[in-house]
């Protein structure tokens, strides 16, 4: 656990908009992990400068102005950050952060006549709904939870502490190894095999895949996708919530906290590389020729950019760079469509549910997963690598303005968001044809609301090339730490699970490092803990 100091201890005023010549720490990248790292380091008394290439901080957790609305860059549901301790430790409520509970936590349906799964925070309420739909599925879900909950508690504990073999083993020991065998076994298996072993039906396996391994880019039959089976259990333990005002309220609170403790956040500052001499970092250089000297640099960007491009010609990192350079760069595969609509989407499968299974006033609160069958998802994995969009698509539908009226564009409209998985960066025919994303709305309307298209007043889409252009994500790819807690335990890619590089003073953080993608902030928190556990580096030139 990171040791906290009183908010006023060791504080140094280091604000202002001008780029300083010298700092204790430079953080490159203003996503929520970079902001969390900066906030913890500034709170501990370090002179921190955070440099963000875009005109505002927040990264993919941002909420931005578009189409006459406040639009979340990515899906608005937050789960793991709620259990990370960051909100409480940094007292983010004092900086305007307020969470709205989402319950039911999610709804899952298929493209055919598959049953609807309503996932409540309450296990018993979830089980009751399942039993009314499919008693055999309810019994299988109970068997699954008996095994999954101890493993989920272990993973939750591991991801809240600095990763090391000793720390992970200690977490397992405190729980008398409960769940450890499950985590190890599921990490090697496929999601399909894990959930199928309990007798869970294909429509539940499909939902688990769309909300888990599909987001990581893995097929449900892929070895290593089995850890995604913990998703249902983790949500029962932690819950789902959304920041009032949009997902961007979290990075906004982190930024305010960092500034309050003396950090300087500079936007519109694109870093082009790190300055290294005698095997240790000396600062960063910006694309416009300016530089900031610092004995500690934290990069909250794509690890590949740092380890392959920025460490070219650095002897201390030659072997590490060669290993990373040998792996082809990955392509992005997610798109997001946002629309201002004068009507809420009507889905026949949900409207047919009894009100005691899904009350009408909760129908549009959670994210609705629309999943192909597992067999179709396996086929879609091959299609993605051939440049074809998953068909039928994997959709994550939400209407955030129902739970949070402050997000309503106008009093007579709502904000509808549709995240579409496995939409390749190099799609056959290119992304210039706007009829392709519009077809996703047509497919959604086919599930029950033919008037949906006419209700759309304005819309926009973000495809992988758009993410590349606007968020400096190479080929639109959002990196995620591979392998979860098991990879951290075994020390695979230690630069990602321990946050240190062979270059003294150069650290990695962000979604590409442990514990991975999603709105967690744990990577930024853990990296700060690693830095603070070492003696402060001295400025020597």
Protein backbone atom coordinates (compact mmCIF):
# COMPACT_ATOMS: atom_id res chain seq x y z
CA UNK A 1 0.00 0.00 0.00
CA UNK A 2 1.35 3.42 -0.93
CA UNK A 3 2.22 5.48 2.13
CA UNK A 4 0.39 8.79 2.04
CA UNK A 5 1.59 12.06 3.49
CA UNK A 6 -0.50 14.99 4.67
CA UNK A 7 -1.56 17.13 1.74
CA UNK A 8 0.60 20.10 2.76
CA UNK A 9 3.80 18.23 3.57
CA UNK A 10 6.78 19.00 1.29
CA UNK A 11 4.59 20.87 -1.14
CA UNK A 12 6.48 23.05 -3.62
CA UNK A 13 4.74 25.69 -5.70
CA UNK A 14 5.70 24.92 -9.27
CA UNK A 15 2.72 26.13 -11.25
CA UNK A 16 2.36 28.33 -14.30
CA UNK A 17 2.05 27.74 -18.02
CA UNK A 18 5.66 28.32 -19.08
CA UNK A 19 7.77 25.26 -19.81
CA UNK A 20 10.35 24.96 -17.01
CA UNK A 21 13.98 24.19 -17.71
CA UNK A 22 14.31 21.73 -14.82
CA UNK A 23 12.04 19.39 -12.86
CA UNK A 24 12.33 16.46 -10.47
CA UNK A 25 10.02 14.32 -12.61
CA UNK A 26 8.64 14.66 -16.12
CA UNK A 27 5.50 12.64 -16.89
CA UNK A 28 4.89 12.20 -20.62
CA UNK A 29 1.21 11.73 -21.44
CA UNK A 30 -1.86 13.13 -19.72
CA UNK A 31 -4.19 10.15 -19.71
CA UNK A 32 -5.71 9.14 -16.38
CA UNK A 33 -2.72 6.93 -15.50
CA UNK A 34 -0.22 9.71 -16.20
CA UNK A 35 -2.35 12.12 -14.17
CA UNK A 36 -2.62 9.66 -11.26
CA UNK A 37 1.15 9.19 -11.27
CA UNK A 38 1.72 12.95 -11.36
CA UNK A 39 -0.76 13.54 -8.53
CA UNK A 40 0.87 10.99 -6.22
CA UNK A 41 4.38 12.25 -6.94
CA UNK A 42 3.41 15.90 -6.49
CA UNK A 43 1.61 15.05 -3.25
CA UNK A 44 4.84 13.49 -2.02
CA UNK A 45 6.76 16.71 -2.69
CA UNK A 46 8.36 16.07 -6.08
CA UNK A 47 8.49 18.90 -8.60
CA UNK A 48 6.41 17.36 -11.39
CA UNK A 49 5.89 18.52 -14.95
CA UNK A 50 3.33 16.62 -17.04
CA UNK A 51 3.50 17.12 -20.82
CA UNK A 52 0.49 16.29 -22.98
CA UNK A 53 0.51 16.51 -26.78
CA UNK A 54 -3.20 17.27 -27.07
CA UNK A 55 -4.81 20.55 -26.10
CA UNK A 56 -6.39 18.94 -23.03
CA UNK A 57 -5.55 16.14 -20.63
CA UNK A 58 -7.60 13.00 -20.08
CA UNK A 59 -6.74 10.79 -23.06
CA UNK A 60 -9.30 8.12 -23.87
CA UNK A 61 -11.04 8.71 -20.53
CA UNK A 62 -11.95 12.23 -21.69
CA UNK A 63 -15.33 13.78 -22.26
CA UNK A 64 -15.24 16.28 -25.12
CA UNK A 65 -17.55 18.72 -26.92
CA UNK A 66 -18.85 17.26 -30.18
CA UNK A 67 -22.09 17.20 -32.21
CA UNK A 68 -23.63 19.69 -29.79
CA UNK A 69 -23.13 17.36 -26.81
CA UNK A 70 -20.62 16.24 -24.19
CA UNK A 71 -19.30 12.97 -25.59
CA UNK A 72 -17.18 10.31 -23.87
CA UNK A 73 -14.21 9.26 -25.97
CA UNK A 74 -14.64 5.63 -24.86
CA UNK A 75 -17.31 3.64 -23.02
CA UNK A 76 -18.40 5.52 -19.90
CA UNK A 77 -18.57 2.62 -17.39
CA UNK A 78 -15.99 2.61 -14.59
CA UNK A 79 -15.36 -0.51 -12.49
CA UNK A 80 -11.80 -1.24 -11.40
CA UNK A 81 -10.95 2.34 -10.42
CA UNK A 82 -13.70 2.09 -7.79
CA UNK A 83 -11.70 -0.60 -5.98
CA UNK A 84 -8.23 0.85 -6.56
CA UNK A 85 -8.24 3.23 -3.59
CA UNK A 86 -7.26 6.17 -5.78
CA UNK A 87 -10.51 8.09 -5.35
CA UNK A 88 -10.23 7.95 -1.55
CA UNK A 89 -6.45 8.34 -1.22
CA UNK A 90 -6.30 11.43 -3.42
CA UNK A 91 -9.58 12.74 -2.01
CA UNK A 92 -10.91 13.27 -5.52
CA UNK A 93 -14.38 14.08 -4.22
CA UNK A 94 -12.93 17.40 -3.07
CA UNK A 95 -12.07 18.14 -6.71
CA UNK A 96 -15.59 17.60 -8.00
CA UNK A 97 -15.65 13.86 -8.71
CA UNK A 98 -18.98 12.22 -7.96
CA UNK A 99 -20.00 8.74 -9.07
CA UNK A 100 -23.47 7.56 -10.08
CA UNK A 101 -24.20 3.87 -9.43
CA UNK A 102 -25.18 1.77 -12.44
CA UNK A 103 -27.54 -1.06 -11.47
CA UNK A 104 -28.29 -3.28 -13.26
CA UNK A 105 -24.60 -3.24 -14.14
CA UNK A 106 -25.17 -4.52 -17.65
CA UNK A 107 -27.61 -6.20 -20.01
CA UNK A 108 -26.58 -8.78 -22.60
CA UNK A 109 -28.53 -9.98 -25.60
CA UNK A 110 -27.84 -11.61 -28.94
CA UNK A 111 -28.73 -11.01 -32.58
CA UNK A 112 -31.17 -13.92 -32.61
CA UNK A 113 -33.67 -15.25 -30.10
CA UNK A 114 -31.13 -15.82 -27.31
CA UNK A 115 -32.30 -15.08 -23.75
CA UNK A 116 -31.49 -11.70 -22.21
CA UNK A 117 -29.04 -11.64 -19.29
CA UNK A 118 -29.60 -8.89 -16.72
CA UNK A 119 -26.51 -8.51 -14.54
CA UNK A 120 -27.32 -6.93 -11.17
CA UNK A 121 -24.87 -6.04 -8.41
CA UNK A 122 -26.84 -8.42 -6.21
CA UNK A 123 -25.94 -12.02 -6.89
CA UNK A 124 -29.34 -13.24 -5.73
CA UNK A 125 -31.25 -10.83 -7.97
CA UNK A 126 -29.09 -11.90 -10.91
CA UNK A 127 -29.69 -15.56 -10.07
CA UNK A 128 -33.43 -15.00 -9.80
CA UNK A 129 -33.61 -13.50 -13.27
CA UNK A 130 -31.51 -16.31 -14.72
CA UNK A 131 -33.64 -18.97 -13.04
CA UNK A 132 -36.79 -17.55 -14.60
CA UNK A 133 -35.13 -17.58 -18.01
CA UNK A 134 -33.14 -20.82 -17.87
CA UNK A 135 -32.93 -22.82 -14.60
CA UNK A 136 -29.98 -24.83 -15.91
CA UNK A 137 -28.09 -21.60 -16.67
CA UNK A 138 -28.80 -20.33 -13.14
CA UNK A 139 -27.39 -23.51 -11.61
CA UNK A 140 -24.31 -23.26 -13.82
CA UNK A 141 -23.84 -19.59 -12.86
CA UNK A 142 -23.92 -20.56 -9.18
CA UNK A 143 -21.25 -23.21 -9.79
CA UNK A 144 -19.20 -20.62 -11.65
CA UNK A 145 -19.42 -18.04 -8.83
CA UNK A 146 -18.37 -20.60 -6.20
CA UNK A 147 -15.05 -20.92 -8.04
CA UNK A 148 -14.71 -17.45 -9.55
CA UNK A 149 -15.35 -15.23 -6.52
CA UNK A 150 -12.25 -16.32 -4.51
CA UNK A 151 -10.12 -15.89 -7.64
CA UNK A 152 -11.64 -12.47 -8.31
CA UNK A 153 -10.89 -11.35 -4.75
CA UNK A 154 -7.28 -12.44 -5.19
CA UNK A 155 -6.88 -10.62 -8.51
CA UNK A 156 -8.46 -7.51 -7.01
CA UNK A 157 -5.97 -7.56 -4.11
CA UNK A 158 -2.96 -8.16 -6.36
CA UNK A 159 -3.87 -5.30 -8.66
CA UNK A 160 -4.07 -2.88 -5.75
CA UNK A 161 -0.40 -3.30 -4.81
CA UNK A 162 2.97 -2.88 -6.50
CA UNK A 163 3.48 -6.06 -8.52
CA UNK A 164 6.30 -8.36 -7.51
CA UNK A 165 6.54 -12.08 -7.01
CA UNK A 166 6.81 -11.52 -3.25
CA UNK A 167 3.82 -9.16 -3.09
CA UNK A 168 1.63 -11.43 -5.19
CA UNK A 169 2.63 -14.49 -3.18
CA UNK A 170 1.89 -12.57 0.03
CA UNK A 171 -1.60 -11.66 -1.25
CA UNK A 172 -2.26 -15.30 -2.04
CA UNK A 173 -0.90 -16.38 1.32
CA UNK A 174 -3.13 -14.01 3.26
CA UNK A 175 -6.06 -15.66 1.54
CA UNK A 176 -4.67 -19.13 2.26
CA UNK A 177 -4.07 -19.55 -1.47
CA UNK A 178 -7.81 -19.41 -2.15
CA UNK A 179 -8.31 -18.66 -5.83
CA UNK A 180 -4.63 -18.92 -6.79
CA UNK A 181 -4.97 -22.29 -8.53
CA UNK A 182 -7.99 -20.97 -10.43
CA UNK A 183 -6.13 -17.87 -11.61
CA UNK A 184 -3.18 -19.93 -12.80
CA UNK A 185 -5.38 -22.45 -14.59
CA UNK A 186 -7.66 -19.90 -16.23
CA UNK A 187 -4.70 -17.83 -17.43
CA UNK A 188 -3.65 -20.73 -19.65
CA UNK A 189 -7.14 -21.72 -20.84
CA UNK A 190 -9.65 -20.15 -23.19
CA UNK A 191 -12.76 -18.31 -22.07
CA UNK A 192 -14.90 -20.79 -23.97
CA UNK A 193 -13.37 -23.77 -22.17
CA UNK A 194 -13.48 -22.14 -18.71
CA UNK A 195 -17.13 -21.06 -18.81
CA UNK A 196 -18.20 -24.13 -20.75
CA UNK A 197 -16.78 -26.34 -18.01
CA UNK A 198 -19.48 -25.03 -15.63
CA UNK A 199 -22.23 -25.68 -18.16
CA UNK A 200 -22.85 -22.02 -18.92
CA UNK A 201 -24.81 -21.66 -22.17
CA UNK A 202 -23.29 -20.11 -25.32
CA UNK A 203 -25.27 -16.86 -24.96
CA UNK A 204 -23.65 -16.18 -21.57
CA UNK A 205 -20.21 -17.09 -22.90
CA UNK A 206 -20.78 -14.67 -25.79
CA UNK A 207 -21.63 -11.85 -23.36
CA UNK A 208 -18.52 -12.54 -21.27
CA UNK A 209 -16.41 -12.41 -24.40
CA UNK A 210 -17.81 -9.14 -25.73
CA UNK A 211 -17.21 -7.41 -22.40
CA UNK A 212 -13.79 -8.99 -21.84
CA UNK A 213 -11.41 -10.76 -24.23
CA UNK A 214 -12.98 -9.13 -27.30
CA UNK A 215 -11.92 -5.75 -25.89
CA UNK A 216 -8.38 -7.17 -25.56
CA UNK A 217 -8.49 -8.43 -29.15
CA UNK A 218 -8.74 -12.14 -28.28
CA UNK A 219 -11.18 -14.71 -29.62
CA UNK A 220 -13.22 -16.74 -27.07
CA UNK A 221 -11.27 -19.90 -27.97
CA UNK A 222 -7.84 -18.22 -27.66
CA UNK A 223 -5.48 -19.59 -24.97
CA UNK A 224 -5.10 -16.94 -22.28
CA UNK A 225 -8.57 -15.50 -22.77
CA UNK A 226 -9.78 -17.55 -19.80
CA UNK A 227 -9.00 -14.80 -17.30
CA UNK A 228 -11.85 -12.90 -18.91
CA UNK A 229 -14.15 -15.33 -17.14
CA UNK A 230 -13.54 -13.34 -13.95
CA UNK A 231 -15.49 -10.39 -15.36
CA UNK A 232 -18.92 -11.39 -14.06
CA UNK A 233 -17.53 -12.08 -10.57
CA UNK A 234 -15.45 -8.89 -10.39
CA UNK A 235 -18.47 -6.75 -11.18
CA UNK A 236 -20.46 -8.42 -8.40
CA UNK A 237 -17.61 -7.55 -6.00
CA UNK A 238 -16.95 -4.00 -7.16
CA UNK A 239 -19.99 -2.72 -9.03
CA UNK A 240 -20.21 -0.34 -11.98
CA UNK A 241 -20.49 3.45 -11.83
CA UNK A 242 -20.17 6.53 -14.01
CA UNK A 243 -18.79 9.94 -13.07
CA UNK A 244 -21.42 12.66 -13.05
CA UNK A 245 -20.79 14.89 -16.04
CA UNK A 246 -19.13 12.15 -18.08
CA UNK A 247 -16.09 9.91 -17.91
CA UNK A 248 -13.82 12.94 -18.17
CA UNK A 249 -14.74 14.02 -14.64
CA UNK A 250 -12.17 11.50 -13.36
CA UNK A 251 -9.13 12.88 -15.23
CA UNK A 252 -10.37 16.40 -14.52
CA UNK A 253 -10.33 15.65 -10.77
CA UNK A 254 -6.90 14.01 -11.04
CA UNK A 255 -5.58 17.06 -12.90
CA UNK A 256 -6.99 19.43 -10.27
CA UNK A 257 -5.45 17.32 -7.50
CA UNK A 258 -2.06 17.27 -9.20
CA UNK A 259 -2.12 21.05 -9.68
CA UNK A 260 -3.22 21.60 -6.08
CA UNK A 261 -0.07 19.82 -4.94
CA UNK A 262 2.20 21.86 -7.18
CA UNK A 263 2.39 19.84 -10.41
CA UNK A 264 2.61 21.75 -13.66
CA UNK A 265 0.45 20.37 -16.48
CA UNK A 266 1.34 21.64 -19.94
CA UNK A 267 -0.82 20.79 -22.95
CA UNK A 268 0.06 21.16 -26.61
CA UNK A 269 3.55 19.89 -25.77
CA UNK A 270 4.52 16.91 -27.94
CA UNK A 271 7.52 14.98 -26.64
CA UNK A 272 9.80 13.60 -29.36
CA UNK A 273 12.18 11.57 -27.21
CA UNK A 274 14.17 11.19 -24.02
CA UNK A 275 17.63 12.57 -23.35
CA UNK A 276 20.03 9.88 -22.12
CA UNK A 277 23.69 10.08 -21.13
CA UNK A 278 25.92 7.45 -19.50
CA UNK A 279 23.06 4.97 -19.22
CA UNK A 280 20.64 7.23 -17.36
CA UNK A 281 17.87 9.59 -18.33
CA UNK A 282 18.59 13.31 -18.29
CA UNK A 283 15.27 14.73 -19.44
CA UNK A 284 13.02 14.98 -22.49
CA UNK A 285 13.11 16.82 -25.77
CA UNK A 286 10.02 18.24 -27.41
CA UNK A 287 9.12 18.18 -31.08
CA UNK A 288 9.59 21.96 -31.27
CA UNK A 289 13.20 21.73 -30.09
CA UNK A 290 12.68 22.71 -26.46
CA UNK A 291 13.68 20.43 -23.60
CA UNK A 292 13.13 19.84 -19.91
CA UNK A 293 15.93 18.43 -17.76
CA UNK A 294 14.93 15.87 -15.13
CA UNK A 295 16.57 12.85 -13.47
CA UNK A 296 13.27 10.93 -13.59
CA UNK A 297 11.01 10.52 -16.62
CA UNK A 298 7.74 8.56 -16.61
CA UNK A 299 6.19 7.76 -19.98
CA UNK A 300 2.44 7.15 -19.95
CA UNK A 301 2.40 6.43 -23.67
CA UNK A 302 2.63 3.34 -25.89
CA UNK A 303 5.57 1.31 -24.51
CA UNK A 304 6.59 0.36 -28.05
CA UNK A 305 7.18 3.99 -28.99
CA UNK A 306 9.44 4.45 -25.98
CA UNK A 307 11.33 1.16 -26.17
CA UNK A 308 11.79 0.96 -29.94
CA UNK A 309 11.86 4.54 -31.19
CA UNK A 310 13.17 6.52 -28.25
CA UNK A 311 15.81 4.02 -27.10
CA UNK A 312 17.37 3.54 -30.54
CA UNK A 313 21.14 3.64 -30.13
CA UNK A 314 21.10 3.34 -26.31
CA UNK A 315 23.55 0.51 -25.38
CA UNK A 316 21.97 -0.15 -21.98
CA UNK A 317 18.65 -0.98 -23.63
CA UNK A 318 19.90 -2.71 -26.79
CA UNK A 319 18.60 -6.21 -25.94
CA UNK A 320 15.24 -4.92 -24.73
CA UNK A 321 14.82 -2.76 -27.82
CA UNK A 322 15.70 -5.66 -30.13
CA UNK A 323 13.08 -7.86 -28.46
CA UNK A 324 10.36 -5.23 -28.88
CA UNK A 325 11.40 -4.30 -32.42
CA UNK A 326 11.08 -7.94 -33.50
CA UNK A 327 7.34 -7.92 -32.74
CA UNK A 328 5.18 -6.35 -35.47
CA UNK A 329 3.21 -3.26 -34.48
CA UNK A 330 -0.42 -4.06 -33.65
CA UNK A 331 -3.45 -2.54 -35.36
CA UNK A 332 -6.38 -0.91 -33.59
CA UNK A 333 -9.78 -2.52 -33.89
CA UNK A 334 -12.37 -0.47 -31.99
CA UNK A 335 -14.70 2.28 -33.20
CA UNK A 336 -17.24 4.47 -31.43
CA UNK A 337 -20.31 6.16 -32.87
CA UNK A 338 -22.08 8.93 -30.95
CA UNK A 339 -25.44 10.37 -31.93
CA UNK A 340 -27.85 13.02 -30.72
CA UNK A 341 -31.28 11.39 -30.89
CA UNK A 342 -34.80 12.62 -30.22
CA UNK A 343 -35.86 9.11 -29.18
CA UNK A 344 -34.50 6.37 -26.94
CA UNK A 345 -33.64 3.12 -28.74
CA UNK A 346 -36.30 0.48 -28.34
CA UNK A 347 -35.08 -3.13 -28.25
CA UNK A 348 -37.75 -5.79 -28.57
CA UNK A 349 -35.89 -8.33 -26.44
CA UNK A 350 -35.77 -5.91 -23.49
CA UNK A 351 -39.33 -4.69 -23.86
CA UNK A 352 -40.60 -8.26 -23.62
CA UNK A 353 -39.00 -8.82 -20.21
CA UNK A 354 -41.31 -8.75 -17.15
CA UNK A 355 -40.98 -5.53 -15.18
CA UNK A 356 -39.89 -7.44 -12.07
CA UNK A 357 -36.94 -8.81 -14.07
CA UNK A 358 -36.07 -5.46 -15.69
CA UNK A 359 -38.05 -2.42 -14.51
CA UNK A 360 -38.88 -0.06 -17.35
CA UNK A 361 -37.07 2.86 -15.71
CA UNK A 362 -33.77 0.91 -15.67
CA UNK A 363 -33.96 -0.35 -19.26
CA UNK A 364 -31.72 2.43 -20.62
CA UNK A 365 -29.43 2.86 -17.61
CA UNK A 366 -26.72 0.21 -18.15
CA UNK A 367 -24.60 -0.63 -21.17
CA UNK A 368 -26.33 -3.18 -23.39
CA UNK A 369 -24.06 -5.78 -25.02
CA UNK A 370 -25.25 -7.15 -28.35
CA UNK A 371 -23.17 -10.23 -29.11
CA UNK A 372 -22.80 -12.69 -31.97
CA UNK A 373 -22.66 -16.34 -30.97
CA UNK A 374 -19.29 -17.73 -29.79
CA UNK A 375 -18.88 -19.53 -33.12
CA UNK A 376 -19.46 -16.24 -34.96
CA UNK A 377 -17.00 -14.51 -32.64
CA UNK A 378 -14.34 -17.10 -33.48
CA UNK A 379 -14.97 -16.53 -37.20
CA UNK A 380 -14.84 -12.77 -36.66
CA UNK A 381 -11.32 -13.08 -35.21
CA UNK A 382 -10.09 -14.42 -38.54
CA UNK A 383 -12.12 -11.84 -40.45
CA UNK A 384 -10.56 -8.99 -38.46
CA UNK A 385 -7.06 -10.01 -39.50
CA UNK A 386 -8.30 -10.07 -43.10
CA UNK A 387 -9.55 -6.48 -42.83
CA UNK A 388 -13.24 -7.26 -42.38
CA UNK A 389 -15.57 -5.90 -39.68
CA UNK A 390 -17.23 -8.46 -37.41
CA UNK A 391 -20.58 -9.42 -38.94
CA UNK A 392 -22.86 -9.51 -37.08
CA UNK A 393 -21.03 -6.84 -35.08
CA UNK A 394 -20.23 -6.80 -31.37
CA UNK A 395 -21.94 -3.70 -29.99
CA UNK A 396 -21.79 -1.91 -26.64
CA UNK A 397 -24.79 0.41 -26.51
CA UNK A 398 -25.39 3.01 -23.86
CA UNK A 399 -27.45 6.15 -23.44
CA UNK A 400 -25.48 7.98 -20.71
CA UNK A 401 -27.89 10.91 -20.62
CA UNK A 402 -30.60 8.71 -19.05
CA UNK A 403 -28.70 8.15 -15.80
CA UNK A 404 -27.01 11.55 -15.97
CA UNK A 405 -29.39 14.25 -17.31
CA UNK A 406 -26.52 16.76 -17.39
CA UNK A 407 -25.35 14.93 -20.53
CA UNK A 408 -28.60 15.56 -22.41
CA UNK A 409 -27.73 17.72 -25.44
CA UNK A 410 -31.12 19.48 -25.18
CA UNK A 411 -34.27 18.95 -23.17
CA UNK A 412 -35.84 16.94 -25.99
CA UNK A 413 -32.84 14.81 -27.04
CA UNK A 414 -30.56 12.13 -25.63
CA UNK A 415 -26.97 11.10 -26.28
CA UNK A 416 -26.66 7.62 -27.76
CA UNK A 417 -23.27 5.90 -27.89
CA UNK A 418 -22.38 2.76 -29.78
CA UNK A 419 -18.97 1.13 -29.34
CA UNK A 420 -18.23 -1.38 -32.10
CA UNK A 421 -15.53 -4.00 -31.59
CA UNK A 422 -13.28 -5.55 -34.20
CA UNK A 423 -13.37 -2.80 -36.79
CA UNK A 424 -9.86 -3.12 -38.26
CA UNK A 425 -7.50 -0.21 -38.85
CA UNK A 426 -6.90 -1.49 -42.37
CA UNK A 427 -10.49 -2.27 -43.23
CA UNK A 428 -11.15 -3.45 -46.74
CA UNK A 429 -12.24 -0.43 -48.78
CA UNK A 430 -10.99 2.09 -46.23
CA UNK A 431 -12.85 4.25 -43.73
CA UNK A 432 -13.82 7.14 -46.00
CA UNK A 433 -17.19 5.57 -46.77
CA UNK A 434 -19.56 6.87 -44.08
CA UNK A 435 -22.20 4.31 -45.02
CA UNK A 436 -20.24 1.69 -43.09
CA UNK A 437 -20.63 3.24 -39.60
CA UNK A 438 -24.20 4.32 -40.45
CA UNK A 439 -24.95 0.65 -41.13
CA UNK A 440 -24.26 -0.07 -37.44
CA UNK A 441 -27.17 2.18 -36.52
CA UNK A 442 -29.30 0.40 -39.11
CA UNK A 443 -28.39 -2.95 -37.55
CA UNK A 444 -29.28 -1.59 -34.11
CA UNK A 445 -32.62 -0.33 -35.41
CA UNK A 446 -33.34 -3.81 -36.79
CA UNK A 447 -33.50 -5.08 -33.22
CA UNK A 448 -36.74 -3.26 -32.61
CA UNK A 449 -36.87 0.45 -33.40
CA UNK A 450 -37.24 1.22 -37.12
CA UNK A 451 -37.75 4.90 -36.27
CA UNK A 452 -34.31 5.22 -34.67
CA UNK A 453 -32.59 6.41 -37.84
CA UNK A 454 -35.11 9.20 -38.39
CA UNK A 455 -34.65 10.29 -34.76
CA UNK A 456 -30.90 10.90 -35.20
CA UNK A 457 -30.28 14.65 -35.45
CA UNK A 458 -26.48 14.56 -35.60
CA UNK A 459 -23.75 11.96 -35.27
CA UNK A 460 -20.04 11.30 -35.54
CA UNK A 461 -17.79 8.26 -35.58
CA UNK A 462 -14.27 7.62 -34.27
CA UNK A 463 -12.50 4.81 -36.16
CA UNK A 464 -8.96 3.48 -35.59
CA UNK A 465 -7.44 6.02 -38.04
CA UNK A 466 -9.25 8.78 -36.13
CA UNK A 467 -7.75 7.58 -32.83
CA UNK A 468 -4.33 7.55 -34.48
CA UNK A 469 -4.71 11.11 -35.71
CA UNK A 470 -6.30 12.66 -32.63
CA UNK A 471 -4.68 10.66 -29.81
CA UNK A 472 -1.26 9.75 -31.25
CA UNK A 473 -2.16 6.07 -31.03
CA UNK A 474 0.01 4.31 -33.62
CA UNK A 475 -2.29 2.59 -36.12
CA UNK A 476 -5.19 3.37 -33.79
CA UNK A 477 -4.04 0.71 -31.32
CA UNK A 478 -4.65 1.07 -27.59
CA UNK A 479 -2.00 -1.07 -25.84
CA UNK A 480 -2.97 -3.27 -22.91
CA UNK A 481 -0.76 -5.21 -20.52
CA UNK A 482 -0.79 -8.86 -21.64
CA UNK A 483 -1.33 -11.73 -19.23
CA UNK A 484 -2.75 -10.03 -16.14
CA UNK A 485 -1.66 -11.03 -12.65
CA UNK A 486 -0.03 -14.26 -13.80
CA UNK A 487 2.30 -12.44 -16.19
CA UNK A 488 3.21 -10.06 -13.38
CA UNK A 489 3.85 -12.97 -11.00
CA UNK A 490 6.12 -14.72 -13.48
CA UNK A 491 7.93 -11.51 -14.35
CA UNK A 492 7.12 -11.65 -18.05
CA UNK A 493 8.08 -8.40 -19.73
CA UNK A 494 9.34 -7.01 -16.45
CA UNK A 495 9.57 -3.53 -17.95
CA UNK A 496 5.75 -3.60 -18.07
CA UNK A 497 5.03 -5.29 -14.75
CA UNK A 498 7.73 -3.53 -12.67
CA UNK A 499 7.56 -0.19 -14.54
CA UNK A 500 11.37 0.18 -14.74
CA UNK A 501 13.57 0.16 -17.85
CA UNK A 502 17.32 -0.60 -18.17
CA UNK A 503 17.86 3.15 -18.42
CA UNK A 504 18.22 4.53 -14.88
CA UNK A 505 15.48 7.03 -14.09
CA UNK A 506 13.24 6.02 -17.03
CA UNK A 507 9.90 4.46 -16.06
CA UNK A 508 6.82 3.22 -17.92
CA UNK A 509 3.19 3.55 -16.91
CA UNK A 510 -0.18 3.55 -18.64
CA UNK A 511 -2.54 0.96 -20.11
CA UNK A 512 0.33 -0.97 -21.67
CA UNK A 513 1.73 -1.77 -18.22
CA UNK A 514 0.33 -3.81 -15.33
CA UNK A 515 -2.56 -4.20 -14.62
CA UNK A 516 -3.72 -3.16 -18.10
CA UNK A 517 -6.30 -1.22 -20.08
CA UNK A 518 -9.55 0.16 -18.81
CA UNK A 519 -10.25 2.98 -16.39
CA UNK A 520 -8.22 1.83 -13.38
CA UNK A 521 -5.44 4.31 -12.66
CA UNK A 522 -3.62 1.51 -10.81
CA UNK A 523 -0.70 1.62 -13.21
CA UNK A 524 -0.07 5.31 -12.50
CA UNK A 525 -0.46 4.78 -8.77
CA UNK A 526 1.88 1.78 -8.76
CA UNK A 527 4.55 3.55 -10.82
CA UNK A 528 4.53 6.46 -8.39
CA UNK A 529 4.98 3.98 -5.53
CA UNK A 530 7.99 2.41 -7.26
CA UNK A 531 9.60 5.82 -7.74
CA UNK A 532 8.86 6.97 -4.19
CA UNK A 533 10.34 3.77 -2.77
CA UNK A 534 13.73 4.76 -4.22
CA UNK A 535 15.98 7.53 -3.03
CA UNK A 536 15.26 10.75 -4.92
CA UNK A 537 17.50 11.11 -7.96
CA UNK A 538 19.81 14.10 -7.95
CA UNK A 539 20.14 16.50 -10.83
CA UNK A 540 23.64 16.10 -12.25
CA UNK A 541 24.68 17.47 -15.62
